[in-house]
Amino acid sequence: MQLLIATKNQKKRRELTLLLAPHDIQVLSPAEVGPLPEVVEDQPTFALNAAKKATSAAKASGLWALADDSGLEVDALEGGPGVLSARYAGEPPDDARNNAKLLEALAGLPRDRRAARFVCALALARPDGTLAFECEGVASGRILPAPRGTGDFGYDPLFLFTEPGFQQNNRGFAELSASEKAAVSHRGRALRLLVAKLPKLMPAPAPKE
């Protein structure tokens, strides 16, 4: 099955490709199918932004298209930065500036007031642009007072995973290997919900004569 991943974020696309690799899905990037229209992510929720991107990419390419919108929600910031996570410190998006602004916003707060969660909304659109499936994954934790680990991207160096019952508990997302993170991450959880539905959603390719 061919599936267009409708994102220009190379790190995000690499993570999605890694998670889809075991499922016999040929992942295509926007560069492989031609330029896609710019989509303004102006919706109030992750789910609506993901749906907007998926439908736009599917209509433009004539392919099944998968889009995500994801970000960080911090209780002490009333759910912020939320849908503005990538641009929290302004344009252009910059991980280091975003992390610095987050640390400044939470400066002095005790650990019990630093609860946070990563949220990933996925939207799968048919080639005609209609939505076939939507789902959401969440990973819970808290914001560290200083960066930990050297892996991954975004707010990962500041995010401590705190869900009991997992070997990743009390480890930072940036301290985990790609496979360890995928097992518990918001994106990994959302994608597993999607993969479980794919055989019923996407038609199997016709047999070769």
C-alpha atoms as a PDB file:
ATOM      1  CA  MET A   1       0.000   0.000   0.000  1.00  0.00           C
ATOM      2  CA  GLN A   2       1.188   3.511  -0.813  1.00  0.00           C
ATOM      3  CA  LEU A   3       0.683   6.222   1.759  1.00  0.00           C
ATOM      4  CA  LEU A   4       1.682   9.860   1.490  1.00  0.00           C
ATOM      5  CA  ILE A   5       2.967  11.347   4.742  1.00  0.00           C
ATOM      6  CA  ALA A   6       1.847  14.956   4.503  1.00  0.00           C
ATOM      7  CA  THR A   7       4.564  16.712   6.478  1.00  0.00           C
ATOM      8  CA  LYS A   8       7.704  18.663   5.637  1.00  0.00           C
ATOM      9  CA  ASN A   9       9.146  17.967   9.082  1.00  0.00           C
ATOM     10  CA  GLN A  10      11.883  15.442   8.328  1.00  0.00           C
ATOM     11  CA  LYS A  11      12.251  14.268  11.931  1.00  0.00           C
ATOM     12  CA  LYS A  12       8.514  13.710  12.266  1.00  0.00           C
ATOM     13  CA  ARG A  13       8.353  11.922   8.892  1.00  0.00           C
ATOM     14  CA  ARG A  14      11.288   9.710   9.885  1.00  0.00           C
ATOM     15  CA  GLU A  15       9.492   8.721  13.083  1.00  0.00           C
ATOM     16  CA  LEU A  16       6.245   7.924  11.242  1.00  0.00           C
ATOM     17  CA  THR A  17       8.137   5.936   8.596  1.00  0.00           C
ATOM     18  CA  LEU A  18       9.898   3.913  11.303  1.00  0.00           C
ATOM     19  CA  LEU A  19       6.578   3.066  12.939  1.00  0.00           C
ATOM     20  CA  LEU A  20       4.942   2.079   9.630  1.00  0.00           C
ATOM     21  CA  ALA A  21       7.896   0.049   8.305  1.00  0.00           C
ATOM     22  CA  PRO A  22       6.787  -3.349   9.698  1.00  0.00           C
ATOM     23  CA  HIS A  23       3.364  -3.121   8.047  1.00  0.00           C
ATOM     24  CA  ASP A  24       4.213  -3.427   4.334  1.00  0.00           C
ATOM     25  CA  ILE A  25       3.309   0.180   3.630  1.00  0.00           C
ATOM     26  CA  GLN A  26       5.256   2.173   1.060  1.00  0.00           C
ATOM     27  CA  VAL A  27       5.663   5.596   2.595  1.00  0.00           C
ATOM     28  CA  LEU A  28       5.913   8.529   0.190  1.00  0.00           C
ATOM     29  CA  SER A  29       7.124  12.009   1.038  1.00  0.00           C
ATOM     30  CA  PRO A  30       5.821  15.258  -0.486  1.00  0.00           C
ATOM     31  CA  ALA A  31       9.107  15.558  -2.392  1.00  0.00           C
ATOM     32  CA  GLU A  32       8.361  12.260  -4.167  1.00  0.00           C
ATOM     33  CA  VAL A  33       4.909  13.238  -5.397  1.00  0.00           C
ATOM     34  CA  GLY A  34       5.436  16.892  -6.223  1.00  0.00           C
ATOM     35  CA  PRO A  35       4.815  20.063  -4.249  1.00  0.00           C
ATOM     36  CA  LEU A  36       1.755  20.151  -2.032  1.00  0.00           C
ATOM     37  CA  PRO A  37      -0.291  23.281  -1.332  1.00  0.00           C
ATOM     38  CA  GLU A  38       0.682  25.227   1.772  1.00  0.00           C
ATOM     39  CA  VAL A  39      -1.758  24.607   4.617  1.00  0.00           C
ATOM     40  CA  VAL A  40      -2.267  27.232   7.308  1.00  0.00           C
ATOM     41  CA  GLU A  41      -2.566  25.421  10.640  1.00  0.00           C
ATOM     42  CA  ASP A  42      -5.116  27.822  12.083  1.00  0.00           C
ATOM     43  CA  GLN A  43      -7.539  25.376  13.708  1.00  0.00           C
ATOM     44  CA  PRO A  44      -8.169  25.351  17.479  1.00  0.00           C
ATOM     45  CA  THR A  45      -7.449  21.637  18.000  1.00  0.00           C
ATOM     46  CA  PHE A  46      -4.825  19.106  16.949  1.00  0.00           C
ATOM     47  CA  ALA A  47      -7.521  16.952  15.347  1.00  0.00           C
ATOM     48  CA  LEU A  48      -8.866  19.734  13.135  1.00  0.00           C
ATOM     49  CA  ASN A  49      -5.380  20.746  11.988  1.00  0.00           C
ATOM     50  CA  ALA A  50      -4.495  17.135  11.144  1.00  0.00           C
ATOM     51  CA  ALA A  51      -7.718  16.716   9.186  1.00  0.00           C
ATOM     52  CA  LYS A  52      -7.121  19.934   7.255  1.00  0.00           C
ATOM     53  CA  LYS A  53      -3.623  18.842   6.234  1.00  0.00           C
ATOM     54  CA  ALA A  54      -4.652  15.298   5.296  1.00  0.00           C
ATOM     55  CA  THR A  55      -7.576  16.318   3.105  1.00  0.00           C
ATOM     56  CA  SER A  56      -5.516  18.975   1.325  1.00  0.00           C
ATOM     57  CA  ALA A  57      -2.654  16.560   0.596  1.00  0.00           C
ATOM     58  CA  ALA A  58      -4.989  13.804  -0.627  1.00  0.00           C
ATOM     59  CA  LYS A  59      -6.874  16.088  -3.018  1.00  0.00           C
ATOM     60  CA  ALA A  60      -3.646  17.529  -4.417  1.00  0.00           C
ATOM     61  CA  SER A  61      -1.880  14.185  -4.894  1.00  0.00           C
ATOM     62  CA  GLY A  62      -4.707  11.748  -5.608  1.00  0.00           C
ATOM     63  CA  LEU A  63      -3.189   9.432  -2.986  1.00  0.00           C
ATOM     64  CA  TRP A  64      -4.139   8.179   0.425  1.00  0.00           C
ATOM     65  CA  ALA A  65      -2.643  10.794   2.759  1.00  0.00           C
ATOM     66  CA  LEU A  66      -1.757  10.720   6.434  1.00  0.00           C
ATOM     67  CA  ALA A  67      -1.233  13.891   8.433  1.00  0.00           C
ATOM     68  CA  ASP A  68      -0.620  14.518  12.085  1.00  0.00           C
ATOM     69  CA  ASP A  69      -0.739  17.489  14.366  1.00  0.00           C
ATOM     70  CA  SER A  70       0.927  17.124  17.693  1.00  0.00           C
ATOM     71  CA  GLY A  71       2.204  19.138  20.570  1.00  0.00           C
ATOM     72  CA  LEU A  72       2.649  19.628  24.261  1.00  0.00           C
ATOM     73  CA  GLU A  73      -0.031  20.499  26.792  1.00  0.00           C
ATOM     74  CA  VAL A  74       1.127  21.744  30.213  1.00  0.00           C
ATOM     75  CA  ASP A  75      -1.338  21.944  33.085  1.00  0.00           C
ATOM     76  CA  ALA A  76       0.284  25.032  34.625  1.00  0.00           C
ATOM     77  CA  LEU A  77      -0.103  26.825  31.280  1.00  0.00           C
ATOM     78  CA  GLU A  78      -3.795  25.888  31.014  1.00  0.00           C
ATOM     79  CA  GLY A  79      -3.029  23.415  28.247  1.00  0.00           C
ATOM     80  CA  GLY A  80      -0.476  25.587  26.480  1.00  0.00           C
ATOM     81  CA  PRO A  81       1.456  25.752  24.295  1.00  0.00           C
ATOM     82  CA  GLY A  82      -0.978  23.294  22.667  1.00  0.00           C
ATOM     83  CA  VAL A  83      -1.556  23.804  18.950  1.00  0.00           C
ATOM     84  CA  LEU A  84       1.073  26.560  19.042  1.00  0.00           C
ATOM     85  CA  SER A  85       3.770  24.169  20.297  1.00  0.00           C
ATOM     86  CA  ALA A  86       5.998  24.402  17.210  1.00  0.00           C
ATOM     87  CA  ARG A  87       5.752  28.206  17.158  1.00  0.00           C
ATOM     88  CA  TYR A  88       5.648  28.824  20.908  1.00  0.00           C
ATOM     89  CA  ALA A  89       8.604  31.231  20.762  1.00  0.00           C
ATOM     90  CA  GLY A  90       7.565  32.742  17.426  1.00  0.00           C
ATOM     91  CA  GLU A  91       8.530  32.293  13.790  1.00  0.00           C
ATOM     92  CA  PRO A  92      10.456  30.564  12.396  1.00  0.00           C
ATOM     93  CA  PRO A  93       9.939  27.473  14.579  1.00  0.00           C
ATOM     94  CA  ASP A  94      12.976  26.793  16.734  1.00  0.00           C
ATOM     95  CA  ASP A  95      13.268  23.961  19.267  1.00  0.00           C
ATOM     96  CA  ALA A  96      15.907  25.654  21.411  1.00  0.00           C
ATOM     97  CA  ARG A  97      13.943  28.898  21.735  1.00  0.00           C
ATOM     98  CA  ASN A  98      10.725  26.990  22.450  1.00  0.00           C
ATOM     99  CA  ASN A  99      12.397  24.990  25.211  1.00  0.00           C
ATOM    100  CA  ALA A 100      13.958  28.099  26.740  1.00  0.00           C
ATOM    101  CA  LYS A 101      10.591  29.882  26.783  1.00  0.00           C
ATOM    102  CA  LEU A 102       8.918  26.866  28.391  1.00  0.00           C
ATOM    103  CA  LEU A 103      11.535  26.661  31.140  1.00  0.00           C
ATOM    104  CA  GLU A 104      11.140  30.373  31.794  1.00  0.00           C
ATOM    105  CA  ALA A 105       7.349  30.061  31.995  1.00  0.00           C
ATOM    106  CA  LEU A 106       7.611  27.258  34.570  1.00  0.00           C
ATOM    107  CA  ALA A 107      10.564  28.643  36.539  1.00  0.00           C
ATOM    108  CA  GLY A 108      10.214  28.026  40.263  1.00  0.00           C
ATOM    109  CA  LEU A 109       7.270  25.646  40.008  1.00  0.00           C
ATOM    110  CA  PRO A 110       7.588  22.445  42.089  1.00  0.00           C
ATOM    111  CA  ARG A 111       7.479  19.063  40.376  1.00  0.00           C
ATOM    112  CA  ASP A 112       3.854  18.432  41.355  1.00  0.00           C
ATOM    113  CA  ARG A 113       2.802  21.480  39.330  1.00  0.00           C
ATOM    114  CA  ARG A 114       4.746  20.554  36.183  1.00  0.00           C
ATOM    115  CA  ALA A 115       2.378  17.879  34.837  1.00  0.00           C
ATOM    116  CA  ALA A 116       2.210  17.707  31.042  1.00  0.00           C
ATOM    117  CA  ARG A 117       1.217  15.466  28.185  1.00  0.00           C
ATOM    118  CA  PHE A 118       2.178  15.019  24.562  1.00  0.00           C
ATOM    119  CA  VAL A 119      -0.804  14.710  22.210  1.00  0.00           C
ATOM    120  CA  CYS A 120      -0.808  13.419  18.639  1.00  0.00           C
ATOM    121  CA  ALA A 121      -3.849  13.573  16.371  1.00  0.00           C
ATOM    122  CA  LEU A 122      -3.727  11.536  13.159  1.00  0.00           C
ATOM    123  CA  ALA A 123      -6.006  11.924  10.159  1.00  0.00           C
ATOM    124  CA  LEU A 124      -6.136   9.576   7.183  1.00  0.00           C
ATOM    125  CA  ALA A 125      -7.754  10.891   4.006  1.00  0.00           C
ATOM    126  CA  ARG A 126      -8.880   9.006   0.907  1.00  0.00           C
ATOM    127  CA  PRO A 127      -7.592  10.086  -2.516  1.00  0.00           C
ATOM    128  CA  ASP A 128     -10.746  12.187  -3.022  1.00  0.00           C
ATOM    129  CA  GLY A 129     -10.035  14.126   0.165  1.00  0.00           C
ATOM    130  CA  THR A 130     -12.710  12.600   2.366  1.00  0.00           C
ATOM    131  CA  LEU A 131     -11.630  11.520   5.831  1.00  0.00           C
ATOM    132  CA  ALA A 132     -11.370   7.776   6.391  1.00  0.00           C
ATOM    133  CA  PHE A 133     -10.122   7.668   9.973  1.00  0.00           C
ATOM    134  CA  GLU A 134      -9.089   9.925  12.847  1.00  0.00           C
ATOM    135  CA  CYS A 135      -7.499   9.013  16.153  1.00  0.00           C
ATOM    136  CA  GLU A 136      -5.454  10.460  18.991  1.00  0.00           C
ATOM    137  CA  GLY A 137      -2.608   9.253  21.180  1.00  0.00           C
ATOM    138  CA  VAL A 138      -1.457  10.710  24.505  1.00  0.00           C
ATOM    139  CA  ALA A 139       1.688  10.236  26.608  1.00  0.00           C
ATOM    140  CA  SER A 140       1.716  11.637  30.138  1.00  0.00           C
ATOM    141  CA  GLY A 141       4.596  13.039  32.114  1.00  0.00           C
ATOM    142  CA  ARG A 142       6.010  16.232  33.545  1.00  0.00           C
ATOM    143  CA  ILE A 143       8.371  19.008  32.537  1.00  0.00           C
ATOM    144  CA  LEU A 144      11.926  18.717  33.828  1.00  0.00           C
ATOM    145  CA  PRO A 145      13.730  21.753  35.283  1.00  0.00           C
ATOM    146  CA  ALA A 146      16.592  21.278  32.806  1.00  0.00           C
ATOM    147  CA  PRO A 147      17.175  19.284  29.589  1.00  0.00           C
ATOM    148  CA  ARG A 148      18.094  15.602  29.849  1.00  0.00           C
ATOM    149  CA  GLY A 149      19.329  13.267  27.135  1.00  0.00           C
ATOM    150  CA  THR A 150      20.617  13.854  23.649  1.00  0.00           C
ATOM    151  CA  GLY A 151      18.037  12.154  21.433  1.00  0.00           C
ATOM    152  CA  ASP A 152      15.128  13.273  19.316  1.00  0.00           C
ATOM    153  CA  PHE A 153      13.614  16.703  18.885  1.00  0.00           C
ATOM    154  CA  GLY A 154      11.110  19.304  20.011  1.00  0.00           C
ATOM    155  CA  TYR A 155      10.329  19.324  23.703  1.00  0.00           C
ATOM    156  CA  ASP A 156      11.683  15.791  24.238  1.00  0.00           C
ATOM    157  CA  PRO A 157      14.717  16.941  26.283  1.00  0.00           C
ATOM    158  CA  LEU A 158      12.352  18.505  28.834  1.00  0.00           C
ATOM    159  CA  PHE A 159       9.718  15.761  28.956  1.00  0.00           C
ATOM    160  CA  LEU A 160       9.907  13.080  31.648  1.00  0.00           C
ATOM    161  CA  PHE A 161       7.631  10.106  30.950  1.00  0.00           C
ATOM    162  CA  THR A 162       5.803   9.186  34.188  1.00  0.00           C
ATOM    163  CA  GLU A 163       3.323   6.415  33.436  1.00  0.00           C
ATOM    164  CA  PRO A 164       3.725   3.502  35.889  1.00  0.00           C
ATOM    165  CA  GLY A 165       4.055  -0.010  34.545  1.00  0.00           C
ATOM    166  CA  PHE A 166       6.440   0.811  31.702  1.00  0.00           C
ATOM    167  CA  GLN A 167      10.203   0.337  31.693  1.00  0.00           C
ATOM    168  CA  GLN A 168      10.418   3.847  30.254  1.00  0.00           C
ATOM    169  CA  ASN A 169       8.797   5.286  33.398  1.00  0.00           C
ATOM    170  CA  ASN A 170      10.807   8.151  34.940  1.00  0.00           C
ATOM    171  CA  ARG A 171      13.013   8.472  31.877  1.00  0.00           C
ATOM    172  CA  GLY A 172      13.170  11.469  29.589  1.00  0.00           C
ATOM    173  CA  PHE A 173      11.955  11.110  26.024  1.00  0.00           C
ATOM    174  CA  ALA A 174      15.359  12.332  24.827  1.00  0.00           C
ATOM    175  CA  GLU A 175      17.014   9.527  26.831  1.00  0.00           C
ATOM    176  CA  LEU A 176      15.115   6.775  25.002  1.00  0.00           C
ATOM    177  CA  SER A 177      16.115   4.947  21.852  1.00  0.00           C
ATOM    178  CA  ALA A 178      13.824   5.311  18.861  1.00  0.00           C
ATOM    179  CA  SER A 179      12.171   1.939  19.522  1.00  0.00           C
ATOM    180  CA  GLU A 180      11.796   2.606  23.265  1.00  0.00           C
ATOM    181  CA  LYS A 181      10.138   5.921  22.579  1.00  0.00           C
ATOM    182  CA  ALA A 182       7.865   4.543  19.848  1.00  0.00           C
ATOM    183  CA  ALA A 183       6.495   1.970  22.304  1.00  0.00           C
ATOM    184  CA  VAL A 184       5.022   4.651  24.582  1.00  0.00           C
ATOM    185  CA  SER A 185       4.977   7.916  22.655  1.00  0.00           C
ATOM    186  CA  HIS A 186       1.856   9.834  21.729  1.00  0.00           C
ATOM    187  CA  ARG A 187       2.636   9.335  18.038  1.00  0.00           C
ATOM    188  CA  GLY A 188       3.365   5.638  18.447  1.00  0.00           C
ATOM    189  CA  ARG A 189       0.115   5.074  20.293  1.00  0.00           C
ATOM    190  CA  ALA A 190      -1.941   6.961  17.720  1.00  0.00           C
ATOM    191  CA  LEU A 191      -0.268   5.150  14.857  1.00  0.00           C
ATOM    192  CA  ARG A 192      -0.936   1.725  16.356  1.00  0.00           C
ATOM    193  CA  LEU A 193      -4.633   2.611  16.494  1.00  0.00           C
ATOM    194  CA  LEU A 194      -4.452   3.555  12.824  1.00  0.00           C
ATOM    195  CA  VAL A 195      -2.489   0.482  11.739  1.00  0.00           C
ATOM    196  CA  ALA A 196      -5.047  -1.778  13.403  1.00  0.00           C
ATOM    197  CA  LYS A 197      -7.720  -0.249  11.153  1.00  0.00           C
ATOM    198  CA  LEU A 198      -5.750   0.034   7.894  1.00  0.00           C
ATOM    199  CA  PRO A 199      -6.666  -3.375   6.405  1.00  0.00           C
ATOM    200  CA  LYS A 200     -10.339  -2.373   6.500  1.00  0.00           C
ATOM    201  CA  LEU A 201      -9.761   1.220   5.431  1.00  0.00           C
ATOM    202  CA  MET A 202      -7.353   0.953   2.511  1.00  0.00           C
ATOM    203  CA  PRO A 203      -8.050  -1.487  -0.332  1.00  0.00           C
ATOM    204  CA  ALA A 204      -5.474  -4.179  -0.917  1.00  0.00           C
ATOM    205  CA  PRO A 205      -3.516  -3.805  -4.163  1.00  0.00           C
ATOM    206  CA  ALA A 206      -4.814  -5.808  -7.112  1.00  0.00           C
ATOM    207  CA  PRO A 207      -2.878  -9.050  -7.747  1.00  0.00           C
ATOM    208  CA  LYS A 208      -0.385  -8.960 -10.583  1.00  0.00           C
ATOM    209  CA  GLU A 209      -1.348 -10.966 -13.649  1.00  0.00           C
END
